[in-house]
Amino acid sequence: MIRVGVLGAGGRMGQAIIAAIAAEPNMVLGGAVERAGHRSVGAKLGGGLTICSNPSALAHVCDVMVDFTSPDALEANLDAAWSTRTAIVIGTTGLAARHEAAAARAARDIAVLQTANTSIGVTVLCGLVEAAAARLADWDIEILDLHHRDKRDAPSGTALALGAAAARGRDTTLDAVRTALRDGVGAARAKGSIGFAAMRGGSAAGDHMVLFAGDGERIELVHRAESRDIFAHGAVAAAAWLAGKPPGRYSMADVVG
């Protein structure tokens, strides 16, 4: 039985992940954490469990932890996982260079699966985008994402992951070919560059479209999330796959592959 700990248990994703764990016959909820002062701290979860605010305590009783918190909390969560050699799935987005460095350091000693999106469909989409970008080397690429009004980072982590996949297909980096956001009158975009557009509103769970625009024709690759449950089930699948893995950095592509 795999014991899974949920970091960010008071949020929408945390609650969905807890429900997904309960539906898995080979998993059990080991515990749950939310930031100090959050209204859910102290809430009862059943089975004698209570949402606490100490990630280190959670790490001691789990085989793997799933982190859907905030960038500010990630380093402490990684430290907790590292101190007990507990595997961790990171689904938090909006990360800075220091967060990436912290994940790399932790991965020397523990299994770290980091992803911008735990959806199986989005993982497959990234592969399709990489392959298409390689074949359509001089086509312009525009990546659009739509999320609920409360999402704060833009473009979304998934949109950036799709851009990175397209850049890999062209044997370059996203930084090298990314075009600036457009507002007002500016210069024409460089041919073959990668641009982004972010929309926020309502309760949208997350839609992403990758537009390949050539001269006289277009290809559109689209993924629409109809429910947050797909992300929760993907996160649980990632946790099940990661438990017991040797130290290193992993991705959802490893899970799907």
Protein backbone atom coordinates (compact mmCIF):
# COMPACT_ATOMS: atom_id res chain seq x y z
CA MET A 1 0.00 0.00 0.00
CA ILE A 2 1.47 3.36 -1.09
CA ARG A 3 1.12 6.12 1.49
CA VAL A 4 0.59 9.47 -0.21
CA GLY A 5 0.84 12.88 1.45
CA VAL A 6 -0.92 15.91 -0.03
CA LEU A 7 0.67 19.35 0.20
CA GLY A 8 -1.83 22.12 -0.45
CA ALA A 9 -4.69 20.03 0.88
CA GLY A 10 -7.04 22.98 1.38
CA GLY A 11 -7.05 24.04 -2.27
CA ARG A 12 -9.25 22.81 -5.08
CA MET A 13 -6.54 20.56 -6.49
CA GLY A 14 -5.59 19.27 -3.05
CA GLN A 15 -9.18 18.26 -2.34
CA ALA A 16 -9.50 16.58 -5.74
CA ILE A 17 -6.27 14.63 -5.16
CA ILE A 18 -7.46 13.46 -1.73
CA ALA A 19 -10.65 12.16 -3.36
CA ALA A 20 -8.66 10.44 -6.12
CA ILE A 21 -6.42 8.70 -3.58
CA ALA A 22 -9.49 7.37 -1.77
CA ALA A 23 -10.64 5.72 -5.00
CA GLU A 24 -7.35 3.85 -5.53
CA PRO A 25 -7.23 0.34 -4.01
CA ASN A 26 -3.42 0.35 -3.70
CA MET A 27 -3.11 3.79 -2.10
CA VAL A 28 -3.91 5.37 1.21
CA LEU A 29 -3.81 8.99 2.32
CA GLY A 30 -0.85 9.31 4.65
CA GLY A 31 -1.63 12.87 5.71
CA ALA A 32 -2.27 16.37 4.44
CA VAL A 33 -0.71 19.81 4.88
CA GLU A 34 -1.79 23.38 4.31
CA ARG A 35 0.02 26.62 5.09
CA ALA A 36 -0.14 27.96 8.63
CA GLY A 37 -3.15 30.20 9.11
CA HIS A 38 -5.18 28.62 6.31
CA ARG A 39 -8.80 28.03 7.26
CA SER A 40 -8.52 24.30 6.53
CA VAL A 41 -5.74 23.64 9.07
CA GLY A 42 -7.23 21.45 11.79
CA ALA A 43 -9.97 20.07 9.54
CA LYS A 44 -10.70 16.37 9.96
CA LEU A 45 -10.20 14.10 6.96
CA GLY A 46 -11.38 10.78 8.30
CA GLY A 47 -9.28 7.83 9.33
CA GLY A 48 -8.01 9.83 12.28
CA LEU A 49 -6.21 12.33 10.01
CA THR A 50 -6.18 16.09 10.42
CA ILE A 51 -4.84 18.72 8.03
CA CYS A 52 -1.69 20.13 9.65
CA SER A 53 0.84 22.81 8.69
CA ASN A 54 4.09 20.85 9.09
CA PRO A 55 5.46 19.29 5.86
CA SER A 56 8.31 17.62 7.76
CA ALA A 57 5.85 15.65 9.89
CA LEU A 58 4.01 14.59 6.74
CA ALA A 59 7.21 13.42 5.03
CA HIS A 60 7.94 11.05 7.94
CA VAL A 61 4.77 9.03 7.36
CA CYS A 62 4.56 8.95 3.54
CA ASP A 63 6.16 7.09 0.65
CA VAL A 64 5.54 9.98 -1.74
CA MET A 65 4.18 13.51 -1.43
CA VAL A 66 2.22 15.50 -4.01
CA ASP A 67 2.80 19.26 -4.03
CA PHE A 68 0.16 21.63 -5.42
CA THR A 69 0.95 24.66 -3.27
CA SER A 70 2.71 27.88 -4.26
CA PRO A 71 6.25 28.78 -5.30
CA ASP A 72 6.86 30.33 -1.88
CA ALA A 73 6.19 26.99 -0.18
CA LEU A 74 8.12 24.75 -2.55
CA GLU A 75 11.59 25.03 -1.05
CA ALA A 76 10.40 24.10 2.45
CA ASN A 77 8.45 21.18 0.99
CA LEU A 78 11.52 19.97 -0.90
CA ASP A 79 13.60 20.24 2.26
CA ALA A 80 11.04 18.14 4.12
CA ALA A 81 11.03 15.49 1.40
CA TRP A 82 14.83 15.46 1.24
CA SER A 83 15.22 15.10 5.02
CA THR A 84 13.33 11.80 4.99
CA ARG A 85 14.26 10.69 1.46
CA THR A 86 10.62 10.84 0.44
CA ALA A 87 9.73 11.02 -3.25
CA ILE A 88 7.80 14.10 -4.34
CA VAL A 89 5.56 15.03 -7.27
CA ILE A 90 5.67 18.77 -7.99
CA GLY A 91 2.67 20.21 -9.82
CA THR A 92 3.19 23.79 -8.66
CA THR A 93 3.78 26.29 -11.48
CA GLY A 94 5.07 29.84 -11.72
CA LEU A 95 8.51 28.75 -10.47
CA ALA A 96 11.63 30.91 -10.58
CA ALA A 97 15.22 29.86 -11.22
CA ARG A 98 15.87 29.29 -7.51
CA HIS A 99 12.98 26.81 -7.33
CA GLU A 100 14.34 24.88 -10.31
CA ALA A 101 17.77 24.82 -8.63
CA ALA A 102 16.24 23.54 -5.38
CA ALA A 103 14.46 20.73 -7.25
CA ALA A 104 17.71 19.79 -8.99
CA ARG A 105 19.57 19.65 -5.67
CA ALA A 106 16.90 17.49 -4.05
CA ALA A 107 16.89 15.12 -7.03
CA ARG A 108 20.46 14.10 -6.24
CA ASP A 109 19.10 12.16 -3.27
CA ILE A 110 15.37 11.64 -3.87
CA ALA A 111 12.99 10.97 -6.75
CA VAL A 112 11.48 14.26 -7.98
CA LEU A 113 8.79 14.32 -10.65
CA GLN A 114 8.16 17.86 -11.83
CA THR A 115 5.48 18.80 -14.32
CA ALA A 116 3.47 21.82 -15.39
CA ASN A 117 0.43 19.62 -16.00
CA THR A 118 -0.44 16.16 -14.69
CA SER A 119 -3.00 15.47 -17.43
CA ILE A 120 -2.24 12.41 -19.53
CA GLY A 121 -3.73 14.17 -22.56
CA VAL A 122 -1.50 17.23 -22.17
CA THR A 123 1.54 14.97 -21.84
CA VAL A 124 0.67 13.37 -25.18
CA LEU A 125 -0.01 16.82 -26.66
CA CYS A 126 3.52 17.93 -25.77
CA GLY A 127 4.88 15.03 -27.80
CA LEU A 128 2.67 15.91 -30.75
CA VAL A 129 3.76 19.56 -30.60
CA GLU A 130 7.44 18.63 -30.53
CA ALA A 131 7.03 16.36 -33.55
CA ALA A 132 5.00 18.92 -35.51
CA ALA A 133 7.46 21.74 -34.76
CA ALA A 134 10.31 19.63 -36.12
CA ARG A 135 8.44 19.06 -39.39
CA LEU A 136 7.17 22.65 -39.70
CA ALA A 137 10.43 24.40 -38.95
CA ASP A 138 9.57 27.83 -40.41
CA TRP A 139 5.91 28.03 -39.40
CA ASP A 140 4.89 30.55 -36.75
CA ILE A 141 3.63 29.09 -33.49
CA GLU A 142 1.11 30.74 -31.19
CA ILE A 143 0.12 29.14 -27.88
CA LEU A 144 -3.14 30.19 -26.23
CA ASP A 145 -4.27 29.28 -22.71
CA LEU A 146 -7.60 29.88 -20.97
CA HIS A 147 -7.96 29.50 -17.19
CA HIS A 148 -10.27 30.57 -14.39
CA ARG A 149 -10.16 34.12 -13.09
CA ASP A 150 -8.11 33.20 -9.98
CA LYS A 151 -5.10 31.82 -11.82
CA ARG A 152 -2.27 34.26 -11.29
CA ASP A 153 0.62 33.16 -13.54
CA ALA A 154 0.46 33.89 -17.26
CA PRO A 155 1.25 32.30 -19.60
CA SER A 156 0.34 29.14 -17.73
CA GLY A 157 2.97 26.61 -16.83
CA THR A 158 1.38 24.25 -19.33
CA ALA A 159 1.56 26.84 -22.10
CA LEU A 160 5.25 27.36 -21.37
CA ALA A 161 5.81 23.59 -21.36
CA LEU A 162 4.15 23.37 -24.78
CA GLY A 163 6.40 26.20 -25.99
CA ALA A 164 9.45 24.39 -24.66
CA ALA A 165 8.34 21.21 -26.46
CA ALA A 166 8.02 23.14 -29.73
CA ALA A 167 11.48 24.64 -29.23
CA ARG A 168 12.96 21.18 -28.59
CA GLY A 169 11.46 20.02 -31.85
CA ARG A 170 13.47 22.76 -33.56
CA ASP A 171 16.62 21.93 -31.62
CA THR A 172 16.67 25.25 -29.79
CA THR A 173 15.43 26.79 -26.54
CA LEU A 174 12.22 28.67 -25.87
CA ASP A 175 14.16 31.74 -24.73
CA ALA A 176 15.90 31.88 -28.10
CA VAL A 177 12.72 31.87 -30.21
CA ARG A 178 10.04 33.32 -27.97
CA THR A 179 8.42 36.50 -29.25
CA ALA A 180 7.40 39.32 -26.91
CA LEU A 181 3.80 39.85 -25.87
CA ARG A 182 2.02 42.16 -28.28
CA ASP A 183 0.27 45.33 -27.17
CA GLY A 184 -0.18 48.35 -29.38
CA VAL A 185 1.84 48.92 -32.54
CA GLY A 186 5.15 47.11 -32.76
CA ALA A 187 7.52 45.39 -35.13
CA ALA A 188 6.44 42.36 -37.13
CA ARG A 189 7.24 39.03 -35.49
CA ALA A 190 10.20 36.98 -36.63
CA LYS A 191 9.24 34.11 -38.90
CA GLY A 192 9.09 30.80 -37.05
CA SER A 193 8.96 32.40 -33.61
CA ILE A 194 6.81 31.19 -30.70
CA GLY A 195 4.24 33.53 -29.15
CA PHE A 196 1.77 33.29 -26.28
CA ALA A 197 -1.68 34.61 -25.44
CA ALA A 198 -3.31 34.16 -22.03
CA MET A 199 -7.01 34.53 -21.22
CA ARG A 200 -8.44 34.50 -17.69
CA GLY A 201 -12.10 34.38 -16.72
CA GLY A 202 -14.92 32.45 -15.16
CA SER A 203 -14.29 28.94 -13.87
CA ALA A 204 -12.41 27.44 -16.84
CA ALA A 205 -10.36 24.45 -15.69
CA GLY A 206 -7.78 24.93 -18.43
CA ASP A 207 -7.82 24.99 -22.24
CA HIS A 208 -4.69 25.07 -24.39
CA MET A 209 -4.33 25.50 -28.13
CA VAL A 210 -1.12 25.36 -30.15
CA LEU A 211 -1.53 27.09 -33.49
CA PHE A 212 0.95 26.36 -36.28
CA ALA A 213 0.53 29.11 -38.88
CA GLY A 214 2.09 28.71 -42.30
CA ASP A 215 1.55 30.62 -45.53
CA GLY A 216 -1.97 29.76 -46.65
CA GLU A 217 -2.68 27.04 -44.05
CA ARG A 218 -2.89 26.39 -40.32
CA ILE A 219 -2.80 23.43 -37.95
CA GLU A 220 -4.43 23.65 -34.51
CA LEU A 221 -3.71 21.19 -31.71
CA VAL A 222 -6.11 21.61 -28.80
CA HIS A 223 -6.58 20.16 -25.33
CA ARG A 224 -9.62 21.11 -23.25
CA ALA A 225 -9.87 20.17 -19.58
CA GLU A 226 -13.51 19.51 -18.74
CA SER A 227 -12.82 18.91 -15.05
CA ARG A 228 -9.98 19.27 -12.54
CA ASP A 229 -10.43 15.56 -11.87
CA ILE A 230 -8.16 14.77 -14.82
CA PHE A 231 -5.29 16.58 -13.11
CA ALA A 232 -5.98 14.84 -9.81
CA HIS A 233 -6.06 11.38 -11.40
CA GLY A 234 -2.88 12.17 -13.32
CA ALA A 235 -1.16 13.32 -10.13
CA VAL A 236 -2.16 10.12 -8.36
CA ALA A 237 -0.89 8.04 -11.29
CA ALA A 238 2.39 9.97 -11.12
CA ALA A 239 2.66 9.33 -7.37
CA ALA A 240 2.04 5.61 -7.83
CA TRP A 241 4.69 5.45 -10.57
CA LEU A 242 7.25 7.50 -8.61
CA ALA A 243 7.04 5.61 -5.32
CA GLY A 244 10.18 3.52 -4.90
CA LYS A 245 12.03 5.04 -7.86
CA PRO A 246 15.74 5.87 -7.48
CA PRO A 247 16.88 9.49 -7.05
CA GLY A 248 16.59 11.66 -10.15
CA ARG A 249 14.37 14.06 -12.02
CA TYR A 250 11.34 12.64 -13.79
CA SER A 251 8.41 13.98 -15.80
CA MET A 252 4.93 12.94 -16.84
CA ALA A 253 6.42 11.70 -20.09
CA ASP A 254 8.15 9.00 -18.04
CA VAL A 255 4.82 8.02 -16.50
CA VAL A 256 3.01 7.87 -19.83
CA GLY A 257 5.95 6.22 -21.58
